[in-house]
Structure formats: structure tokens, C-alpha cells
């Protein structure tokens, strides 16, 4: 049975926050999230599957036929090197955003709340 686990491969650029901010029209290192998906079949991690990522901003949708990306994770006290499917999602608009990873008929999603970035107070 195929399973999908979505995680944050880069600390500070993943699912750690309750909400995120976007500064519309500004390219910034603060305006994105970086996610990874681990695909397993009967517990074995796979790197040679077709993974389709769809998102609220359809211009960022992506299809991967395999992956060469690897990460270290800890499972039951053991460190393992496993393949993952990477996805960078840039925040271009405020509101609720849904990112879905799909592989072999199985889908897993995350929902993100993107708030408009507050302008800096020029009086401070």
C-alpha cells in the first residue's frame, strides 16, 4: 500500500508556523515554504515514482517522475538516509492555500494560512 508523508526538510522553511505572510509582488526569502514528500510502498521508501503536486496557485504545480534528493531522518532512534520529493511553494497571494502530493492514486495535503504582510511602521 502506497503512503505519503509530507515533512519539512529545511528547518525554518517548512510546516513549523501557524500562519505565514506574503509581501505581494516582492521576491523574498521569507515568501516561500519548502516541503518534501516521502513515498512508501509497504514501508519501503521509493524514489522512482511519478509524483504530482498541485497547489492553490496552479502556476506552481509540478510533476516529478523520480527524485535524486535525499535527507536524513530519525525513526525509532535510528538515523536513515531516505529519498524525498522536493517542492518549493512561493506565497504570491494571501488566503488559504492547499498543497497536495499525489502518487499512484493516493493523495496527501497540507493547508496553509497566508496573511498579508503588515507594512512597517515608519514612526518607529
C-alpha atoms as a PDB file:
ATOM      1  CA  UNK A   1       0.000   0.000   0.000  1.00  0.00           C
ATOM      2  CA  UNK A   2       1.359   3.416  -1.011  1.00  0.00           C
ATOM      3  CA  UNK A   3       1.630   6.111   1.672  1.00  0.00           C
ATOM      4  CA  UNK A   4       2.756   9.740   1.529  1.00  0.00           C
ATOM      5  CA  UNK A   5       4.394  11.661   4.373  1.00  0.00           C
ATOM      6  CA  UNK A   6       4.799  15.444   3.984  1.00  0.00           C
ATOM      7  CA  UNK A   7       7.580  16.995   6.052  1.00  0.00           C
ATOM      8  CA  UNK A   8       9.900  19.998   6.319  1.00  0.00           C
ATOM      9  CA  UNK A   9      13.393  19.136   5.017  1.00  0.00           C
ATOM     10  CA  UNK A  10      14.776  22.615   5.828  1.00  0.00           C
ATOM     11  CA  UNK A  11      14.368  23.992   9.342  1.00  0.00           C
ATOM     12  CA  UNK A  12      12.534  27.320   9.332  1.00  0.00           C
ATOM     13  CA  UNK A  13      11.173  26.880   5.789  1.00  0.00           C
ATOM     14  CA  UNK A  14       8.519  24.276   6.452  1.00  0.00           C
ATOM     15  CA  UNK A  15       5.448  23.481   8.464  1.00  0.00           C
ATOM     16  CA  UNK A  16       6.632  24.912  11.782  1.00  0.00           C
ATOM     17  CA  UNK A  17       4.447  28.027  11.677  1.00  0.00           C
ATOM     18  CA  UNK A  18       0.759  28.510  12.414  1.00  0.00           C
ATOM     19  CA  UNK A  19       0.469  31.088   9.633  1.00  0.00           C
ATOM     20  CA  UNK A  20       2.725  32.645   7.019  1.00  0.00           C
ATOM     21  CA  UNK A  21       2.984  36.093   5.492  1.00  0.00           C
ATOM     22  CA  UNK A  22       3.303  37.260   1.925  1.00  0.00           C
ATOM     23  CA  UNK A  23       4.506  40.546   0.576  1.00  0.00           C
ATOM     24  CA  UNK A  24       2.631  40.660  -2.730  1.00  0.00           C
ATOM     25  CA  UNK A  25       4.865  41.346  -5.696  1.00  0.00           C
ATOM     26  CA  UNK A  26       8.092  41.094  -3.717  1.00  0.00           C
ATOM     27  CA  UNK A  27      10.599  38.306  -4.335  1.00  0.00           C
ATOM     28  CA  UNK A  28      11.843  37.421  -0.878  1.00  0.00           C
ATOM     29  CA  UNK A  29      13.401  34.556   1.026  1.00  0.00           C
ATOM     30  CA  UNK A  30      10.529  34.980   3.514  1.00  0.00           C
ATOM     31  CA  UNK A  31       7.789  34.428   0.908  1.00  0.00           C
ATOM     32  CA  UNK A  32       8.031  30.663   0.425  1.00  0.00           C
ATOM     33  CA  UNK A  33       7.798  27.253   2.041  1.00  0.00           C
ATOM     34  CA  UNK A  34       9.902  24.216   1.159  1.00  0.00           C
ATOM     35  CA  UNK A  35       8.229  20.832   1.574  1.00  0.00           C
ATOM     36  CA  UNK A  36       9.255  17.266   0.991  1.00  0.00           C
ATOM     37  CA  UNK A  37       7.195  14.147   0.423  1.00  0.00           C
ATOM     38  CA  UNK A  38       8.338  10.663   1.317  1.00  0.00           C
ATOM     39  CA  UNK A  39       6.660   7.958  -0.756  1.00  0.00           C
ATOM     40  CA  UNK A  40       6.483   4.497   0.742  1.00  0.00           C
ATOM     41  CA  UNK A  41       5.113   1.222  -0.547  1.00  0.00           C
ATOM     42  CA  UNK A  42       4.646  -1.398   2.169  1.00  0.00           C
ATOM     43  CA  UNK A  43       7.142   0.526   4.329  1.00  0.00           C
ATOM     44  CA  UNK A  44       9.896   0.769   1.685  1.00  0.00           C
ATOM     45  CA  UNK A  45      10.828   4.318   0.585  1.00  0.00           C
ATOM     46  CA  UNK A  46      10.635   4.893  -3.161  1.00  0.00           C
ATOM     47  CA  UNK A  47      12.478   7.300  -5.426  1.00  0.00           C
ATOM     48  CA  UNK A  48      11.264   6.148  -8.833  1.00  0.00           C
ATOM     49  CA  UNK A  49       7.574   7.077  -8.816  1.00  0.00           C
ATOM     50  CA  UNK A  50       5.566   9.747 -10.575  1.00  0.00           C
ATOM     51  CA  UNK A  51       4.502  12.368  -8.032  1.00  0.00           C
ATOM     52  CA  UNK A  52       2.116  15.169  -8.968  1.00  0.00           C
ATOM     53  CA  UNK A  53       1.992  18.289  -6.801  1.00  0.00           C
ATOM     54  CA  UNK A  54      -0.987  20.606  -7.134  1.00  0.00           C
ATOM     55  CA  UNK A  55      -1.482  23.848  -5.265  1.00  0.00           C
ATOM     56  CA  UNK A  56      -3.840  26.775  -4.926  1.00  0.00           C
ATOM     57  CA  UNK A  57      -1.545  28.777  -7.224  1.00  0.00           C
ATOM     58  CA  UNK A  58      -1.802  26.414 -10.210  1.00  0.00           C
ATOM     59  CA  UNK A  59       1.126  28.131 -11.912  1.00  0.00           C
ATOM     60  CA  UNK A  60       3.382  26.354  -9.425  1.00  0.00           C
ATOM     61  CA  UNK A  61       2.038  22.826  -9.998  1.00  0.00           C
ATOM     62  CA  UNK A  62       4.764  20.279 -10.633  1.00  0.00           C
ATOM     63  CA  UNK A  63       5.162  16.687 -11.833  1.00  0.00           C
ATOM     64  CA  UNK A  64       8.212  14.638 -10.843  1.00  0.00           C
ATOM     65  CA  UNK A  65       8.941  11.269 -12.431  1.00  0.00           C
ATOM     66  CA  UNK A  66      11.594  10.372  -9.854  1.00  0.00           C
ATOM     67  CA  UNK A  67      13.830  12.078  -7.326  1.00  0.00           C
ATOM     68  CA  UNK A  68      17.520  12.318  -6.589  1.00  0.00           C
ATOM     69  CA  UNK A  69      17.013  14.254  -3.355  1.00  0.00           C
ATOM     70  CA  UNK A  70      17.947  12.560  -0.076  1.00  0.00           C
ATOM     71  CA  UNK A  71      17.570  13.542   3.559  1.00  0.00           C
ATOM     72  CA  UNK A  72      18.410  12.123   6.973  1.00  0.00           C
ATOM     73  CA  UNK A  73      15.551  11.264   9.304  1.00  0.00           C
ATOM     74  CA  UNK A  74      15.354   9.519  12.644  1.00  0.00           C
ATOM     75  CA  UNK A  75      12.979   6.561  13.027  1.00  0.00           C
ATOM     76  CA  UNK A  76      12.850   4.544  16.232  1.00  0.00           C
ATOM     77  CA  UNK A  77      16.184   6.030  17.321  1.00  0.00           C
ATOM     78  CA  UNK A  78      17.960   5.121  14.067  1.00  0.00           C
ATOM     79  CA  UNK A  79      19.244   7.659  11.538  1.00  0.00           C
ATOM     80  CA  UNK A  80      18.277   6.748   7.981  1.00  0.00           C
ATOM     81  CA  UNK A  81      19.037   8.287   4.573  1.00  0.00           C
ATOM     82  CA  UNK A  82      15.872   8.303   2.503  1.00  0.00           C
ATOM     83  CA  UNK A  83      14.762   9.777  -0.821  1.00  0.00           C
ATOM     84  CA  UNK A  84      12.186  12.554  -0.886  1.00  0.00           C
ATOM     85  CA  UNK A  85      10.319  14.588  -3.495  1.00  0.00           C
ATOM     86  CA  UNK A  86      11.012  18.340  -3.029  1.00  0.00           C
ATOM     87  CA  UNK A  87       8.589  21.206  -3.586  1.00  0.00           C
ATOM     88  CA  UNK A  88       9.141  24.929  -3.144  1.00  0.00           C
ATOM     89  CA  UNK A  89       5.941  26.997  -2.985  1.00  0.00           C
ATOM     90  CA  UNK A  90       6.114  30.786  -3.268  1.00  0.00           C
ATOM     91  CA  UNK A  91       3.453  32.840  -1.488  1.00  0.00           C
ATOM     92  CA  UNK A  92       2.041  35.271  -4.041  1.00  0.00           C
ATOM     93  CA  UNK A  93      -1.394  35.908  -2.535  1.00  0.00           C
ATOM     94  CA  UNK A  94      -2.936  35.913   0.925  1.00  0.00           C
ATOM     95  CA  UNK A  95      -5.611  33.418   1.988  1.00  0.00           C
ATOM     96  CA  UNK A  96      -5.877  29.667   2.422  1.00  0.00           C
ATOM     97  CA  UNK A  97      -3.525  27.630   0.246  1.00  0.00           C
ATOM     98  CA  UNK A  98      -3.697  23.862  -0.187  1.00  0.00           C
ATOM     99  CA  UNK A  99      -0.737  21.846  -1.456  1.00  0.00           C
ATOM    100  CA  UNK A 100      -1.411  18.237  -2.465  1.00  0.00           C
ATOM    101  CA  UNK A 101       1.076  15.489  -3.258  1.00  0.00           C
ATOM    102  CA  UNK A 102      -0.407  12.584  -5.257  1.00  0.00           C
ATOM    103  CA  UNK A 103       1.180   9.263  -6.174  1.00  0.00           C
ATOM    104  CA  UNK A 104      -0.441   6.087  -7.507  1.00  0.00           C
ATOM    105  CA  UNK A 105      -3.948   7.211  -6.581  1.00  0.00           C
ATOM    106  CA  UNK A 106      -3.021   8.236  -3.029  1.00  0.00           C
ATOM    107  CA  UNK A 107      -3.094  11.923  -2.068  1.00  0.00           C
ATOM    108  CA  UNK A 108      -1.966  13.868   0.983  1.00  0.00           C
ATOM    109  CA  UNK A 109      -2.466  17.601   1.504  1.00  0.00           C
ATOM    110  CA  UNK A 110      -1.397  20.428   3.766  1.00  0.00           C
ATOM    111  CA  UNK A 111      -3.327  23.662   4.274  1.00  0.00           C
ATOM    112  CA  UNK A 112      -1.516  26.931   4.892  1.00  0.00           C
ATOM    113  CA  UNK A 113      -2.920  30.252   6.015  1.00  0.00           C
ATOM    114  CA  UNK A 114      -1.126  33.097   4.273  1.00  0.00           C
ATOM    115  CA  UNK A 115      -1.663  36.568   5.741  1.00  0.00           C
ATOM    116  CA  UNK A 116      -0.741  39.828   4.028  1.00  0.00           C
ATOM    117  CA  UNK A 117       2.491  41.212   5.372  1.00  0.00           C
ATOM    118  CA  UNK A 118       1.899  44.238   7.545  1.00  0.00           C
ATOM    119  CA  UNK A 119       3.654  47.390   6.384  1.00  0.00           C
ATOM    120  CA  UNK A 120       6.444  48.560   8.648  1.00  0.00           C
ATOM    121  CA  UNK A 121       5.535  51.440  10.920  1.00  0.00           C
ATOM    122  CA  UNK A 122       7.658  54.346   9.670  1.00  0.00           C
ATOM    123  CA  UNK A 123       7.251  56.168  13.013  1.00  0.00           C
ATOM    124  CA  UNK A 124       9.286  53.591  14.959  1.00  0.00           C
END
